Amino acid sequence: MMQMKRNRIFALVGAAVILIAILLGVKFIFAKEDHALFSKEQMRKHIMEKYPGEITDLSLEPSGRNFVYTMKLHNENGTYDIKADASTGDVLHLALVNKKVNGKPTTPTQPTTPNNPDGSTVTPKPVTPTTPDKPKQPPGTKSITEQQAKQIALQKAQGKVTQLKQGKRNGVDVYVVTVDSAKSKSIVEVNKRTGGVEFSSTQKKKQQPAKPTEGTSGTGGTGGTGATKKPQSIISQAEAKKIATTKVKGTVIKIEYEEDDAQYEVEIQTSNNETVTVEVNAYTGKTSVSWDD
């Protein structure tokens, strides 16, 4: 009777153990179905996206209820042992086993000896995307020299170069060349890149009128036989300022009268913060414009 009871107990315990094993197996199977495993090629590509080098000895192995891939990574730093989760691709273990010094491998005393003095594991350097080289400057963009600009200006206007400065014409960089002669003054703007003439202006110079001499009309006078002719008057500074701002919109920051050239030089700052020089003839009111840097 006691033997039958024992046999029944053993049978129940055995059935319970088998049932538990079946349940665990089913759970394990479903768990694996939830996470598809990486193929070898997928795992190789996944690891090489994180670390540069060559993958060898790649194999799938069971690890408890999961599977892992083990492999070796060879790069410029040496050889690494890597273990990665076959379902997620997460790196579970990485250790330097053969370090390279000056490009030559060295054999460490212990396979897992870390490279850092603090005992931490050395990780390979992630792939750093290369930055493409900046495009080279296309031919023809080199500026012409100041001497070349002077020669181009003298082909356009006769005289002697008295001034050269840099400026802008409609957003284009130019050399502003002043050419003087006995009878005229010319402004020639030469494109710094192409050497083309962007603008030119020539004004004839007028001699300063002589001061009138007093005289009386009639035959008895000592100064002449008739009234003297009045000299032509120059425009005022206010008129020159008005003419200049009509030509170029902006704020006048400086105005000067050049007696030798009989003209006003008016400097104007535009809304684009460009400085523009407007030359106003003191007799005719005619203008010429140059853009400064």
C-alpha atoms as a PDB file:
ATOM      1  CA  MET A   1       0.000   0.000   0.000  1.00  0.00           C
ATOM      2  CA  MET A   2       2.784   2.401   0.913  1.00  0.00           C
ATOM      3  CA  GLN A   3       4.605   1.445  -2.292  1.00  0.00           C
ATOM      4  CA  MET A   4       1.586   2.383  -4.406  1.00  0.00           C
ATOM      5  CA  LYS A   5       1.345   5.766  -2.725  1.00  0.00           C
ATOM      6  CA  ARG A   6       5.019   6.408  -3.381  1.00  0.00           C
ATOM      7  CA  ASN A   7       4.671   5.421  -7.010  1.00  0.00           C
ATOM      8  CA  ARG A   8       1.688   7.745  -7.378  1.00  0.00           C
ATOM      9  CA  ILE A   9       3.626  10.649  -5.815  1.00  0.00           C
ATOM     10  CA  PHE A  10       6.592  10.019  -8.127  1.00  0.00           C
ATOM     11  CA  ALA A  11       4.242   9.907 -11.092  1.00  0.00           C
ATOM     12  CA  LEU A  12       2.633  13.217 -10.163  1.00  0.00           C
ATOM     13  CA  VAL A  13       6.012  14.894  -9.614  1.00  0.00           C
ATOM     14  CA  GLY A  14       7.300  13.579 -12.929  1.00  0.00           C
ATOM     15  CA  ALA A  15       4.194  14.825 -14.738  1.00  0.00           C
ATOM     16  CA  ALA A  16       4.591  18.248 -13.136  1.00  0.00           C
ATOM     17  CA  VAL A  17       8.242  18.436 -14.217  1.00  0.00           C
ATOM     18  CA  ILE A  18       7.342  17.462 -17.786  1.00  0.00           C
ATOM     19  CA  LEU A  19       4.532  20.040 -17.858  1.00  0.00           C
ATOM     20  CA  ILE A  20       6.852  22.793 -16.621  1.00  0.00           C
ATOM     21  CA  ALA A  21       9.457  21.828 -19.232  1.00  0.00           C
ATOM     22  CA  ILE A  22       6.816  21.955 -21.978  1.00  0.00           C
ATOM     23  CA  LEU A  23       5.607  25.387 -20.837  1.00  0.00           C
ATOM     24  CA  LEU A  24       9.159  26.750 -20.728  1.00  0.00           C
ATOM     25  CA  GLY A  25       9.882  25.336 -24.191  1.00  0.00           C
ATOM     26  CA  VAL A  26       6.730  26.914 -25.630  1.00  0.00           C
ATOM     27  CA  LYS A  27       7.616  30.266 -24.033  1.00  0.00           C
ATOM     28  CA  PHE A  28      11.136  30.013 -25.406  1.00  0.00           C
ATOM     29  CA  ILE A  29       9.844  29.233 -28.907  1.00  0.00           C
ATOM     30  CA  PHE A  30       7.377  32.144 -28.870  1.00  0.00           C
ATOM     31  CA  ALA A  31      10.028  34.440 -27.490  1.00  0.00           C
ATOM     32  CA  LYS A  32      12.267  33.538 -30.409  1.00  0.00           C
ATOM     33  CA  GLU A  33       9.428  34.123 -32.852  1.00  0.00           C
ATOM     34  CA  ASP A  34       8.991  37.635 -31.435  1.00  0.00           C
ATOM     35  CA  HIS A  35      12.615  38.503 -32.269  1.00  0.00           C
ATOM     36  CA  ALA A  36      13.830  37.311 -35.666  1.00  0.00           C
ATOM     37  CA  LEU A  37      17.535  36.500 -35.655  1.00  0.00           C
ATOM     38  CA  PHE A  38      20.054  38.440 -37.740  1.00  0.00           C
ATOM     39  CA  SER A  39      21.539  36.502 -40.623  1.00  0.00           C
ATOM     40  CA  LYS A  40      25.324  36.288 -40.798  1.00  0.00           C
ATOM     41  CA  GLU A  41      25.493  38.904 -43.551  1.00  0.00           C
ATOM     42  CA  GLN A  42      23.102  41.195 -41.690  1.00  0.00           C
ATOM     43  CA  MET A  43      25.176  40.916 -38.523  1.00  0.00           C
ATOM     44  CA  ARG A  44      28.446  41.484 -40.435  1.00  0.00           C
ATOM     45  CA  LYS A  45      27.029  44.636 -42.052  1.00  0.00           C
ATOM     46  CA  HIS A  46      25.540  45.822 -38.736  1.00  0.00           C
ATOM     47  CA  ILE A  47      28.867  45.570 -36.873  1.00  0.00           C
ATOM     48  CA  MET A  48      30.920  47.127 -39.706  1.00  0.00           C
ATOM     49  CA  GLU A  49      28.565  50.118 -39.755  1.00  0.00           C
ATOM     50  CA  LYS A  50      29.604  50.794 -36.159  1.00  0.00           C
ATOM     51  CA  TYR A  51      33.286  49.875 -36.364  1.00  0.00           C
ATOM     52  CA  PRO A  52      35.715  49.888 -39.295  1.00  0.00           C
ATOM     53  CA  GLY A  53      37.693  46.776 -40.122  1.00  0.00           C
ATOM     54  CA  GLU A  54      37.364  43.178 -41.298  1.00  0.00           C
ATOM     55  CA  ILE A  55      35.074  40.600 -39.655  1.00  0.00           C
ATOM     56  CA  THR A  56      36.278  36.956 -39.416  1.00  0.00           C
ATOM     57  CA  ASP A  57      35.280  33.804 -37.532  1.00  0.00           C
ATOM     58  CA  LEU A  58      31.605  34.820 -37.439  1.00  0.00           C
ATOM     59  CA  SER A  59      29.443  32.101 -35.875  1.00  0.00           C
ATOM     60  CA  LEU A  60      26.030  31.729 -34.214  1.00  0.00           C
ATOM     61  CA  GLU A  61      25.997  30.151 -30.757  1.00  0.00           C
ATOM     62  CA  PRO A  62      23.330  29.502 -28.097  1.00  0.00           C
ATOM     63  CA  SER A  63      23.590  31.494 -24.879  1.00  0.00           C
ATOM     64  CA  GLY A  64      21.041  30.544 -22.229  1.00  0.00           C
ATOM     65  CA  ARG A  65      17.625  31.251 -23.718  1.00  0.00           C
ATOM     66  CA  ASN A  66      19.083  33.449 -26.455  1.00  0.00           C
ATOM     67  CA  PHE A  67      21.507  33.197 -29.334  1.00  0.00           C
ATOM     68  CA  VAL A  68      24.635  35.281 -29.838  1.00  0.00           C
ATOM     69  CA  TYR A  69      27.089  35.871 -32.647  1.00  0.00           C
ATOM     70  CA  THR A  70      30.790  35.644 -31.852  1.00  0.00           C
ATOM     71  CA  MET A  71      33.380  37.108 -34.215  1.00  0.00           C
ATOM     72  CA  LYS A  72      36.760  38.746 -34.523  1.00  0.00           C
ATOM     73  CA  LEU A  73      37.295  42.318 -35.775  1.00  0.00           C
ATOM     74  CA  HIS A  74      40.630  43.294 -37.355  1.00  0.00           C
ATOM     75  CA  ASN A  75      41.496  46.973 -37.902  1.00  0.00           C
ATOM     76  CA  GLU A  76      44.421  49.419 -37.633  1.00  0.00           C
ATOM     77  CA  ASN A  77      44.333  49.233 -33.809  1.00  0.00           C
ATOM     78  CA  GLY A  78      44.543  45.443 -33.590  1.00  0.00           C
ATOM     79  CA  THR A  79      42.222  42.427 -33.202  1.00  0.00           C
ATOM     80  CA  TYR A  80      39.052  42.447 -31.081  1.00  0.00           C
ATOM     81  CA  ASP A  81      36.781  39.691 -29.762  1.00  0.00           C
ATOM     82  CA  ILE A  82      33.140  40.714 -30.189  1.00  0.00           C
ATOM     83  CA  LYS A  83      29.953  39.064 -28.942  1.00  0.00           C
ATOM     84  CA  ALA A  84      26.607  40.477 -30.156  1.00  0.00           C
ATOM     85  CA  ASP A  85      22.952  39.596 -29.451  1.00  0.00           C
ATOM     86  CA  ALA A  86      21.614  37.706 -32.477  1.00  0.00           C
ATOM     87  CA  SER A  87      18.129  39.187 -32.074  1.00  0.00           C
ATOM     88  CA  THR A  88      18.846  42.873 -31.370  1.00  0.00           C
ATOM     89  CA  GLY A  89      22.381  43.334 -32.714  1.00  0.00           C
ATOM     90  CA  ASP A  90      23.514  44.856 -29.402  1.00  0.00           C
ATOM     91  CA  VAL A  91      27.229  44.401 -28.671  1.00  0.00           C
ATOM     92  CA  LEU A  92      27.452  42.396 -25.434  1.00  0.00           C
ATOM     93  CA  HIS A  93      31.216  42.018 -25.216  1.00  0.00           C
ATOM     94  CA  LEU A  94      34.173  43.720 -26.902  1.00  0.00           C
ATOM     95  CA  ALA A  95      37.818  43.245 -25.923  1.00  0.00           C
ATOM     96  CA  LEU A  96      41.181  43.966 -27.519  1.00  0.00           C
ATOM     97  CA  VAL A  97      43.132  40.698 -27.801  1.00  0.00           C
ATOM     98  CA  ASN A  98      45.978  41.687 -30.104  1.00  0.00           C
ATOM     99  CA  LYS A  99      47.117  45.307 -30.167  1.00  0.00           C
ATOM    100  CA  LYS A 100      49.085  46.834 -33.042  1.00  0.00           C
ATOM    101  CA  VAL A 101      52.020  49.179 -32.400  1.00  0.00           C
ATOM    102  CA  ASN A 102      53.247  51.180 -35.405  1.00  0.00           C
ATOM    103  CA  GLY A 103      51.151  48.974 -37.624  1.00  0.00           C
ATOM    104  CA  LYS A 104      52.707  45.728 -36.245  1.00  0.00           C
ATOM    105  CA  PRO A 105      50.735  43.271 -34.066  1.00  0.00           C
ATOM    106  CA  THR A 106      51.889  42.556 -30.510  1.00  0.00           C
ATOM    107  CA  THR A 107      50.787  39.628 -28.381  1.00  0.00           C
ATOM    108  CA  PRO A 108      49.459  40.709 -24.960  1.00  0.00           C
ATOM    109  CA  THR A 109      50.227  38.642 -21.877  1.00  0.00           C
ATOM    110  CA  GLN A 110      46.498  38.127 -21.305  1.00  0.00           C
ATOM    111  CA  PRO A 111      43.947  37.871 -24.136  1.00  0.00           C
ATOM    112  CA  THR A 112      41.611  40.405 -22.570  1.00  0.00           C
ATOM    113  CA  THR A 113      44.215  42.913 -21.322  1.00  0.00           C
ATOM    114  CA  PRO A 114      42.580  46.324 -21.786  1.00  0.00           C
ATOM    115  CA  ASN A 115      44.423  49.077 -23.621  1.00  0.00           C
ATOM    116  CA  ASN A 116      43.530  51.918 -21.246  1.00  0.00           C
ATOM    117  CA  PRO A 117      45.503  52.326 -18.008  1.00  0.00           C
ATOM    118  CA  ASP A 118      42.322  52.711 -15.959  1.00  0.00           C
ATOM    119  CA  GLY A 119      41.262  49.162 -16.829  1.00  0.00           C
ATOM    120  CA  SER A 120      38.408  50.063 -19.183  1.00  0.00           C
ATOM    121  CA  THR A 121      37.880  48.104 -22.356  1.00  0.00           C
ATOM    122  CA  VAL A 122      39.203  49.633 -25.540  1.00  0.00           C
ATOM    123  CA  THR A 123      36.520  50.209 -28.162  1.00  0.00           C
ATOM    124  CA  PRO A 124      37.349  50.589 -31.835  1.00  0.00           C
ATOM    125  CA  LYS A 125      36.895  54.019 -33.318  1.00  0.00           C
ATOM    126  CA  PRO A 126      33.501  54.445 -35.015  1.00  0.00           C
ATOM    127  CA  VAL A 127      33.517  55.180 -38.706  1.00  0.00           C
ATOM    128  CA  THR A 128      33.843  58.908 -39.238  1.00  0.00           C
ATOM    129  CA  PRO A 129      32.242  60.176 -42.464  1.00  0.00           C
ATOM    130  CA  THR A 130      34.744  61.955 -44.646  1.00  0.00           C
ATOM    131  CA  THR A 131      34.094  65.548 -45.614  1.00  0.00           C
ATOM    132  CA  PRO A 132      34.368  66.097 -49.365  1.00  0.00           C
ATOM    133  CA  ASP A 133      37.045  68.482 -50.481  1.00  0.00           C
ATOM    134  CA  LYS A 134      35.914  72.004 -51.182  1.00  0.00           C
ATOM    135  CA  PRO A 135      35.586  72.607 -54.895  1.00  0.00           C
ATOM    136  CA  LYS A 136      38.549  74.347 -56.381  1.00  0.00           C
ATOM    137  CA  GLN A 137      38.079  77.906 -57.504  1.00  0.00           C
ATOM    138  CA  PRO A 138      37.073  77.835 -61.178  1.00  0.00           C
ATOM    139  CA  PRO A 139      39.529  79.300 -63.674  1.00  0.00           C
ATOM    140  CA  GLY A 140      39.025  82.941 -64.592  1.00  0.00           C
ATOM    141  CA  THR A 141      38.047  84.139 -61.111  1.00  0.00           C
ATOM    142  CA  LYS A 142      41.458  85.635 -60.291  1.00  0.00           C
ATOM    143  CA  SER A 143      41.387  89.424 -60.057  1.00  0.00           C
ATOM    144  CA  ILE A 144      43.330  91.556 -62.502  1.00  0.00           C
ATOM    145  CA  THR A 145      46.116  93.674 -61.033  1.00  0.00           C
ATOM    146  CA  GLU A 146      45.932  97.410 -60.350  1.00  0.00           C
ATOM    147  CA  GLN A 147      48.513  98.012 -63.082  1.00  0.00           C
ATOM    148  CA  GLN A 148      46.353  96.168 -65.599  1.00  0.00           C
ATOM    149  CA  ALA A 149      43.339  98.228 -64.497  1.00  0.00           C
ATOM    150  CA  LYS A 150      45.313 101.444 -65.111  1.00  0.00           C
ATOM    151  CA  GLN A 151      46.297 100.311 -68.617  1.00  0.00           C
ATOM    152  CA  ILE A 152      42.674  99.452 -69.451  1.00  0.00           C
ATOM    153  CA  ALA A 153      41.512 102.843 -68.163  1.00  0.00           C
ATOM    154  CA  LEU A 154      44.136 104.687 -70.279  1.00  0.00           C
ATOM    155  CA  GLN A 155      42.818 102.916 -73.379  1.00  0.00           C
ATOM    156  CA  LYS A 156      39.421 104.418 -72.594  1.00  0.00           C
ATOM    157  CA  ALA A 157      40.538 107.939 -71.568  1.00  0.00           C
ATOM    158  CA  GLN A 158      43.519 110.118 -72.471  1.00  0.00           C
ATOM    159  CA  GLY A 159      45.649 111.600 -69.729  1.00  0.00           C
ATOM    160  CA  LYS A 160      47.439 110.523 -66.555  1.00  0.00           C
ATOM    161  CA  VAL A 161      46.161 108.235 -63.788  1.00  0.00           C
ATOM    162  CA  THR A 162      45.895 110.351 -60.647  1.00  0.00           C
ATOM    163  CA  GLN A 163      43.876 108.023 -58.421  1.00  0.00           C
ATOM    164  CA  LEU A 164      42.905 104.332 -58.158  1.00  0.00           C
ATOM    165  CA  LYS A 165      40.572 102.871 -55.559  1.00  0.00           C
ATOM    166  CA  GLN A 166      38.310  99.854 -55.202  1.00  0.00           C
ATOM    167  CA  GLY A 167      34.533 100.035 -55.295  1.00  0.00           C
ATOM    168  CA  LYS A 168      31.356  98.341 -56.491  1.00  0.00           C
ATOM    169  CA  ARG A 169      29.127  98.865 -59.514  1.00  0.00           C
ATOM    170  CA  ASN A 170      25.734  97.099 -59.269  1.00  0.00           C
ATOM    171  CA  GLY A 171      27.226  94.568 -56.841  1.00  0.00           C
ATOM    172  CA  VAL A 172      30.301  93.913 -59.029  1.00  0.00           C
ATOM    173  CA  ASP A 173      33.800  94.587 -57.640  1.00  0.00           C
ATOM    174  CA  VAL A 174      35.560  97.245 -59.720  1.00  0.00           C
ATOM    175  CA  TYR A 175      38.664  99.395 -59.789  1.00  0.00           C
ATOM    176  CA  VAL A 176      37.707 103.082 -59.906  1.00  0.00           C
ATOM    177  CA  VAL A 177      40.411 104.823 -61.943  1.00  0.00           C
ATOM    178  CA  THR A 178      40.658 108.625 -62.237  1.00  0.00           C
ATOM    179  CA  VAL A 179      42.397 109.895 -65.393  1.00  0.00           C
ATOM    180  CA  ASP A 180      43.323 113.602 -65.606  1.00  0.00           C
ATOM    181  CA  SER A 181      44.402 115.689 -68.582  1.00  0.00           C
ATOM    182  CA  ALA A 182      44.757 119.406 -69.154  1.00  0.00           C
ATOM    183  CA  LYS A 183      41.274 119.647 -70.643  1.00  0.00           C
ATOM    184  CA  SER A 184      39.273 116.850 -69.011  1.00  0.00           C
ATOM    185  CA  LYS A 185      38.839 114.498 -66.085  1.00  0.00           C
ATOM    186  CA  SER A 186      37.601 110.931 -66.588  1.00  0.00           C
ATOM    187  CA  ILE A 187      36.338 108.227 -64.237  1.00  0.00           C
ATOM    188  CA  VAL A 188      36.729 104.667 -65.552  1.00  0.00           C
ATOM    189  CA  GLU A 189      35.413 101.662 -63.578  1.00  0.00           C
ATOM    190  CA  VAL A 190      37.131  98.381 -64.521  1.00  0.00           C
ATOM    191  CA  ASN A 191      35.701  94.952 -63.570  1.00  0.00           C
ATOM    192  CA  LYS A 192      38.223  93.356 -61.185  1.00  0.00           C
ATOM    193  CA  ARG A 193      37.566  89.834 -62.485  1.00  0.00           C
ATOM    194  CA  THR A 194      37.058  90.229 -66.233  1.00  0.00           C
ATOM    195  CA  GLY A 195      38.848  93.502 -66.968  1.00  0.00           C
ATOM    196  CA  GLY A 196      35.790  94.863 -68.736  1.00  0.00           C
ATOM    197  CA  VAL A 197      34.798  98.524 -68.439  1.00  0.00           C
ATOM    198  CA  GLU A 198      31.642  98.750 -66.328  1.00  0.00           C
ATOM    199  CA  PHE A 199      31.302 102.544 -66.394  1.00  0.00           C
ATOM    200  CA  SER A 200      33.108 105.599 -67.761  1.00  0.00           C
ATOM    201  CA  SER A 201      32.483 109.322 -67.525  1.00  0.00           C
ATOM    202  CA  THR A 202      34.463 112.275 -68.898  1.00  0.00           C
ATOM    203  CA  GLN A 203      34.035 115.923 -67.967  1.00  0.00           C
ATOM    204  CA  LYS A 204      35.723 118.816 -69.656  1.00  0.00           C
ATOM    205  CA  LYS A 205      37.552 121.164 -67.348  1.00  0.00           C
ATOM    206  CA  LYS A 206      36.674 124.862 -67.324  1.00  0.00           C
ATOM    207  CA  GLN A 207      39.131 127.575 -66.474  1.00  0.00           C
ATOM    208  CA  GLN A 208      38.320 129.672 -63.456  1.00  0.00           C
ATOM    209  CA  PRO A 209      36.823 133.003 -64.665  1.00  0.00           C
ATOM    210  CA  ALA A 210      39.013 136.062 -64.241  1.00  0.00           C
ATOM    211  CA  LYS A 211      37.941 138.636 -61.717  1.00  0.00           C
ATOM    212  CA  PRO A 212      36.051 141.481 -63.409  1.00  0.00           C
ATOM    213  CA  THR A 213      37.736 144.892 -63.700  1.00  0.00           C
ATOM    214  CA  GLU A 214      35.818 147.985 -62.961  1.00  0.00           C
ATOM    215  CA  GLY A 215      35.217 150.468 -65.734  1.00  0.00           C
ATOM    216  CA  THR A 216      32.871 153.233 -66.800  1.00  0.00           C
ATOM    217  CA  SER A 217      30.848 153.582 -69.890  1.00  0.00           C
ATOM    218  CA  GLY A 218      31.382 156.499 -72.249  1.00  0.00           C
ATOM    219  CA  THR A 219      34.418 158.031 -73.886  1.00  0.00           C
ATOM    220  CA  GLY A 220      35.836 159.764 -70.855  1.00  0.00           C
ATOM    221  CA  GLY A 221      36.379 156.684 -68.706  1.00  0.00           C
ATOM    222  CA  THR A 222      39.718 155.109 -68.071  1.00  0.00           C
ATOM    223  CA  GLY A 223      38.573 151.516 -67.726  1.00  0.00           C
ATOM    224  CA  GLY A 224      36.996 150.872 -71.119  1.00  0.00           C
ATOM    225  CA  THR A 225      34.195 151.770 -73.371  1.00  0.00           C
ATOM    226  CA  GLY A 226      31.430 149.614 -71.855  1.00  0.00           C
ATOM    227  CA  ALA A 227      30.197 147.670 -68.825  1.00  0.00           C
ATOM    228  CA  THR A 228      32.218 144.585 -67.865  1.00  0.00           C
ATOM    229  CA  LYS A 229      30.692 141.101 -68.359  1.00  0.00           C
ATOM    230  CA  LYS A 230      29.601 139.302 -65.156  1.00  0.00           C
ATOM    231  CA  PRO A 231      31.385 135.958 -64.572  1.00  0.00           C
ATOM    232  CA  GLN A 232      29.345 132.734 -64.497  1.00  0.00           C
ATOM    233  CA  SER A 233      28.401 131.921 -60.893  1.00  0.00           C
ATOM    234  CA  ILE A 234      28.878 128.484 -59.268  1.00  0.00           C
ATOM    235  CA  ILE A 235      26.064 126.533 -57.613  1.00  0.00           C
ATOM    236  CA  SER A 236      25.841 126.548 -53.852  1.00  0.00           C
ATOM    237  CA  GLN A 237      26.757 123.681 -51.540  1.00  0.00           C
ATOM    238  CA  ALA A 238      23.089 123.143 -50.718  1.00  0.00           C
ATOM    239  CA  GLU A 239      22.251 122.896 -54.427  1.00  0.00           C
ATOM    240  CA  ALA A 240      25.102 120.426 -54.963  1.00  0.00           C
ATOM    241  CA  LYS A 241      23.825 118.318 -52.046  1.00  0.00           C
ATOM    242  CA  LYS A 242      20.314 118.314 -53.523  1.00  0.00           C
ATOM    243  CA  ILE A 243      21.602 117.299 -56.957  1.00  0.00           C
ATOM    244  CA  ALA A 244      23.687 114.467 -55.444  1.00  0.00           C
ATOM    245  CA  THR A 245      20.853 113.007 -53.364  1.00  0.00           C
ATOM    246  CA  THR A 246      18.571 113.175 -56.395  1.00  0.00           C
ATOM    247  CA  LYS A 247      21.124 111.064 -58.268  1.00  0.00           C
ATOM    248  CA  VAL A 248      21.772 108.597 -55.395  1.00  0.00           C
ATOM    249  CA  LYS A 249      19.282 108.054 -52.573  1.00  0.00           C
ATOM    250  CA  GLY A 250      20.830 108.079 -49.128  1.00  0.00           C
ATOM    251  CA  THR A 251      22.348 110.206 -46.364  1.00  0.00           C
ATOM    252  CA  VAL A 252      25.067 112.780 -47.081  1.00  0.00           C
ATOM    253  CA  ILE A 253      27.981 112.124 -44.737  1.00  0.00           C
ATOM    254  CA  LYS A 254      30.545 114.484 -46.303  1.00  0.00           C
ATOM    255  CA  ILE A 255      30.688 117.263 -48.897  1.00  0.00           C
ATOM    256  CA  GLU A 256      33.765 119.130 -50.124  1.00  0.00           C
ATOM    257  CA  TYR A 257      34.441 121.695 -52.835  1.00  0.00           C
ATOM    258  CA  GLU A 258      37.521 121.119 -54.993  1.00  0.00           C
ATOM    259  CA  GLU A 259      38.549 124.480 -56.364  1.00  0.00           C
ATOM    260  CA  ASP A 260      41.087 123.073 -58.854  1.00  0.00           C
ATOM    261  CA  ASP A 261      38.478 120.886 -60.529  1.00  0.00           C
ATOM    262  CA  ALA A 262      35.568 123.277 -59.918  1.00  0.00           C
ATOM    263  CA  GLN A 263      33.400 120.518 -58.491  1.00  0.00           C
ATOM    264  CA  TYR A 264      31.784 119.274 -55.298  1.00  0.00           C
ATOM    265  CA  GLU A 265      32.561 115.784 -53.976  1.00  0.00           C
ATOM    266  CA  VAL A 266      29.557 114.457 -52.042  1.00  0.00           C
ATOM    267  CA  GLU A 267      29.844 111.192 -50.062  1.00  0.00           C
ATOM    268  CA  ILE A 268      26.507 109.408 -49.525  1.00  0.00           C
ATOM    269  CA  GLN A 269      25.713 106.322 -47.453  1.00  0.00           C
ATOM    270  CA  THR A 270      22.925 104.237 -49.032  1.00  0.00           C
ATOM    271  CA  SER A 271      20.339 102.079 -47.275  1.00  0.00           C
ATOM    272  CA  ASN A 272      22.545  99.061 -48.128  1.00  0.00           C
ATOM    273  CA  ASN A 273      25.439 100.633 -46.132  1.00  0.00           C
ATOM    274  CA  GLU A 274      27.382 101.302 -49.322  1.00  0.00           C
ATOM    275  CA  THR A 275      29.433 104.495 -49.559  1.00  0.00           C
ATOM    276  CA  VAL A 276      28.948 106.315 -52.854  1.00  0.00           C
ATOM    277  CA  THR A 277      30.863 109.373 -54.081  1.00  0.00           C
ATOM    278  CA  VAL A 278      28.951 111.769 -56.343  1.00  0.00           C
ATOM    279  CA  GLU A 279      30.975 114.460 -58.134  1.00  0.00           C
ATOM    280  CA  VAL A 280      28.882 117.529 -59.007  1.00  0.00           C
ATOM    281  CA  ASN A 281      30.204 120.089 -61.500  1.00  0.00           C
ATOM    282  CA  ALA A 282      30.077 123.478 -59.767  1.00  0.00           C
ATOM    283  CA  TYR A 283      28.967 125.266 -62.953  1.00  0.00           C
ATOM    284  CA  THR A 284      26.823 122.815 -64.908  1.00  0.00           C
ATOM    285  CA  GLY A 285      25.517 120.562 -62.112  1.00  0.00           C
ATOM    286  CA  LYS A 286      26.485 117.470 -64.102  1.00  0.00           C
ATOM    287  CA  THR A 287      27.304 114.415 -61.995  1.00  0.00           C
ATOM    288  CA  SER A 288      29.467 111.312 -62.011  1.00  0.00           C
ATOM    289  CA  VAL A 289      29.100 108.469 -59.516  1.00  0.00           C
ATOM    290  CA  SER A 290      31.599 105.993 -58.039  1.00  0.00           C
ATOM    291  CA  TRP A 291      31.025 103.266 -55.449  1.00  0.00           C
ATOM    292  CA  ASP A 292      33.562 102.935 -52.660  1.00  0.00           C
ATOM    293  CA  ASP A 293      34.299  99.826 -50.519  1.00  0.00           C
END
